[in-house]
């Protein structure tokens, strides 16, 4: 599961970094592009991706423990 979180974060980061048309023209991303513009959306997705990937790394290394409730 931790590897999936890291992969999702890197995917979001890459989508923002490279500005993939299919990524930024998706139904959910179009709303964000309309609100903050294409460059703002790219920066948002890069920051979001780094945050998610960092969370995955912290979970993988055991810094954050994933305990079931």
N, C-alpha and C. Protein backbone atom coordinates (compact mmCIF):
# COMPACT_ATOMS: atom_id res chain seq x y z
N UNK A 1 0.82 -1.19 0.00
CA UNK A 1 0.00 0.00 0.00
C UNK A 1 0.87 1.26 0.00
N UNK A 2 1.98 1.21 0.73
CA UNK A 2 2.84 2.39 0.79
C UNK A 2 3.44 2.71 -0.57
N UNK A 3 3.77 1.67 -1.33
CA UNK A 3 4.33 1.89 -2.66
C UNK A 3 3.30 2.53 -3.59
N UNK A 4 2.04 2.16 -3.41
CA UNK A 4 0.97 2.76 -4.21
C UNK A 4 0.84 4.25 -3.91
N UNK A 5 0.95 4.62 -2.65
CA UNK A 5 0.86 6.03 -2.26
C UNK A 5 2.03 6.81 -2.86
N UNK A 6 3.21 6.24 -2.81
CA UNK A 6 4.38 6.91 -3.41
C UNK A 6 4.18 7.06 -4.91
N UNK A 7 3.71 6.01 -5.56
CA UNK A 7 3.47 6.07 -7.00
C UNK A 7 2.42 7.10 -7.38
N UNK A 8 1.36 7.18 -6.60
CA UNK A 8 0.31 8.17 -6.88
C UNK A 8 0.85 9.58 -6.73
N UNK A 9 1.67 9.80 -5.72
CA UNK A 9 2.27 11.11 -5.53
C UNK A 9 3.21 11.48 -6.66
N UNK A 10 4.02 10.54 -7.09
CA UNK A 10 4.94 10.81 -8.20
C UNK A 10 4.18 11.03 -9.51
N UNK A 11 3.08 10.32 -9.69
CA UNK A 11 2.25 10.51 -10.87
C UNK A 11 1.65 11.92 -10.89
N UNK A 12 1.13 12.38 -9.77
CA UNK A 12 0.58 13.72 -9.68
C UNK A 12 1.67 14.77 -9.91
N UNK A 13 2.83 14.56 -9.33
CA UNK A 13 3.95 15.48 -9.52
C UNK A 13 4.35 15.55 -10.99
N UNK A 14 4.46 14.40 -11.64
CA UNK A 14 4.85 14.37 -13.05
C UNK A 14 3.80 15.02 -13.93
N UNK A 15 2.52 14.82 -13.62
CA UNK A 15 1.46 15.45 -14.39
C UNK A 15 1.53 16.96 -14.32
N UNK A 16 1.86 17.48 -13.15
CA UNK A 16 2.02 18.92 -13.02
C UNK A 16 3.31 19.43 -13.64
N UNK A 17 4.38 18.69 -13.47
CA UNK A 17 5.68 19.11 -13.99
C UNK A 17 5.68 19.18 -15.51
N UNK A 18 5.18 18.13 -16.14
CA UNK A 18 5.21 18.07 -17.60
C UNK A 18 3.99 18.69 -18.25
N UNK A 19 2.97 19.03 -17.46
CA UNK A 19 1.78 19.67 -17.99
C UNK A 19 1.07 18.84 -19.03
N UNK A 20 0.94 17.54 -18.79
CA UNK A 20 0.28 16.66 -19.74
C UNK A 20 -1.12 17.17 -20.02
N UNK A 21 -1.45 17.31 -21.30
CA UNK A 21 -2.77 17.81 -21.69
C UNK A 21 -3.89 16.92 -21.16
N UNK A 22 -3.73 15.62 -21.31
CA UNK A 22 -4.77 14.70 -20.86
C UNK A 22 -4.94 14.75 -19.34
N UNK A 23 -3.87 15.10 -18.63
CA UNK A 23 -3.92 15.19 -17.17
C UNK A 23 -4.66 16.46 -16.75
N UNK A 24 -4.31 17.59 -17.35
CA UNK A 24 -4.91 18.86 -16.96
C UNK A 24 -6.28 19.09 -17.60
N UNK A 25 -6.66 18.30 -18.59
CA UNK A 25 -7.98 18.42 -19.20
C UNK A 25 -8.97 17.41 -18.66
N UNK A 26 -8.56 16.66 -17.64
CA UNK A 26 -9.51 15.71 -17.05
C UNK A 26 -10.63 16.49 -16.37
N UNK A 27 -11.74 15.85 -16.16
CA UNK A 27 -12.93 16.51 -15.64
C UNK A 27 -12.66 17.23 -14.32
N UNK A 28 -11.95 16.60 -13.42
CA UNK A 28 -11.71 17.20 -12.11
C UNK A 28 -10.64 18.29 -12.16
N UNK A 29 -9.65 18.13 -13.02
CA UNK A 29 -8.58 19.12 -13.10
C UNK A 29 -9.03 20.38 -13.83
N UNK A 30 -9.98 20.25 -14.76
CA UNK A 30 -10.46 21.43 -15.49
C UNK A 30 -11.02 22.48 -14.56
N UNK A 31 -11.70 22.06 -13.50
CA UNK A 31 -12.25 23.00 -12.53
C UNK A 31 -11.12 23.80 -11.88
N UNK A 32 -10.07 23.13 -11.49
CA UNK A 32 -8.93 23.80 -10.85
C UNK A 32 -8.22 24.72 -11.84
N UNK A 33 -8.09 24.30 -13.08
CA UNK A 33 -7.46 25.13 -14.11
C UNK A 33 -8.29 26.39 -14.33
N UNK A 34 -9.61 26.24 -14.30
CA UNK A 34 -10.48 27.39 -14.50
C UNK A 34 -10.36 28.38 -13.33
N UNK A 35 -10.20 27.86 -12.12
CA UNK A 35 -10.14 28.71 -10.93
C UNK A 35 -8.78 29.42 -10.81
N UNK A 36 -7.68 28.68 -10.90
CA UNK A 36 -6.36 29.28 -10.62
C UNK A 36 -5.45 29.35 -11.85
N UNK A 37 -5.95 28.94 -12.99
CA UNK A 37 -5.15 29.02 -14.22
C UNK A 37 -4.29 27.79 -14.41
N UNK A 38 -3.77 27.62 -15.63
CA UNK A 38 -2.99 26.41 -15.91
C UNK A 38 -1.69 26.33 -15.12
N UNK A 39 -0.99 27.44 -14.97
CA UNK A 39 0.28 27.38 -14.23
C UNK A 39 0.02 27.14 -12.75
N UNK A 40 -1.01 27.75 -12.20
CA UNK A 40 -1.36 27.51 -10.80
C UNK A 40 -1.76 26.07 -10.56
N UNK A 41 -2.50 25.49 -11.51
CA UNK A 41 -2.90 24.09 -11.38
C UNK A 41 -1.69 23.17 -11.45
N UNK A 42 -0.76 23.48 -12.33
CA UNK A 42 0.46 22.67 -12.43
C UNK A 42 1.24 22.72 -11.12
N UNK A 43 1.39 23.91 -10.55
CA UNK A 43 2.11 24.05 -9.28
C UNK A 43 1.36 23.31 -8.17
N UNK A 44 0.04 23.44 -8.15
CA UNK A 44 -0.77 22.75 -7.15
C UNK A 44 -0.55 21.24 -7.21
N UNK A 45 -0.60 20.67 -8.43
CA UNK A 45 -0.44 19.23 -8.56
C UNK A 45 0.98 18.78 -8.25
N UNK A 46 1.97 19.62 -8.50
CA UNK A 46 3.34 19.27 -8.13
C UNK A 46 3.49 19.25 -6.61
N UNK A 47 2.97 20.26 -5.93
CA UNK A 47 3.06 20.31 -4.46
C UNK A 47 2.25 19.17 -3.85
N UNK A 48 1.06 18.93 -4.38
CA UNK A 48 0.23 17.83 -3.89
C UNK A 48 0.95 16.49 -4.06
N UNK A 49 1.55 16.29 -5.23
CA UNK A 49 2.26 15.05 -5.49
C UNK A 49 3.44 14.85 -4.56
N UNK A 50 4.20 15.92 -4.31
CA UNK A 50 5.32 15.80 -3.38
C UNK A 50 4.84 15.47 -1.97
N UNK A 51 3.74 16.08 -1.57
CA UNK A 51 3.19 15.80 -0.25
C UNK A 51 2.73 14.36 -0.11
N UNK A 52 2.05 13.85 -1.12
CA UNK A 52 1.57 12.47 -1.08
C UNK A 52 2.74 11.49 -1.12
N UNK A 53 3.73 11.77 -1.97
CA UNK A 53 4.90 10.88 -2.05
C UNK A 53 5.67 10.89 -0.74
N UNK A 54 5.79 12.06 -0.12
CA UNK A 54 6.48 12.15 1.17
C UNK A 54 5.74 11.35 2.23
N UNK A 55 4.41 11.44 2.23
CA UNK A 55 3.61 10.65 3.16
C UNK A 55 3.87 9.16 2.95
N UNK A 56 3.92 8.73 1.70
CA UNK A 56 4.18 7.32 1.40
C UNK A 56 5.54 6.87 1.89
N UNK A 57 6.55 7.71 1.69
CA UNK A 57 7.91 7.37 2.16
C UNK A 57 7.94 7.28 3.68
N UNK A 58 7.28 8.22 4.35
CA UNK A 58 7.25 8.19 5.82
C UNK A 58 6.52 6.95 6.33
N UNK A 59 5.46 6.56 5.65
CA UNK A 59 4.77 5.32 6.04
C UNK A 59 5.64 4.10 5.78
N UNK A 60 6.33 4.10 4.65
CA UNK A 60 7.17 2.96 4.29
C UNK A 60 8.34 2.78 5.25
N UNK A 61 8.94 3.87 5.69
CA UNK A 61 10.09 3.79 6.59
C UNK A 61 9.70 3.62 8.05
N UNK A 62 8.41 3.73 8.35
CA UNK A 62 7.95 3.52 9.73
C UNK A 62 7.98 4.76 10.59
N UNK A 63 8.29 5.92 10.03
CA UNK A 63 8.26 7.16 10.80
C UNK A 63 6.83 7.44 11.24
N UNK A 64 5.88 7.20 10.35
CA UNK A 64 4.46 7.29 10.66
C UNK A 64 3.94 5.86 10.68
N UNK A 65 3.31 5.47 11.78
CA UNK A 65 2.80 4.11 11.88
C UNK A 65 1.35 4.06 11.40
N UNK A 66 1.06 3.08 10.59
CA UNK A 66 -0.28 2.89 10.07
C UNK A 66 -0.95 1.78 10.87
N UNK A 67 -1.60 2.17 11.97
CA UNK A 67 -2.22 1.18 12.85
C UNK A 67 -3.72 1.10 12.53
N UNK A 68 -4.24 -0.11 12.39
CA UNK A 68 -5.70 -0.22 12.22
C UNK A 68 -6.42 0.15 13.50
N UNK A 69 -7.57 0.72 13.35
CA UNK A 69 -8.35 1.18 14.52
C UNK A 69 -9.13 0.04 15.11
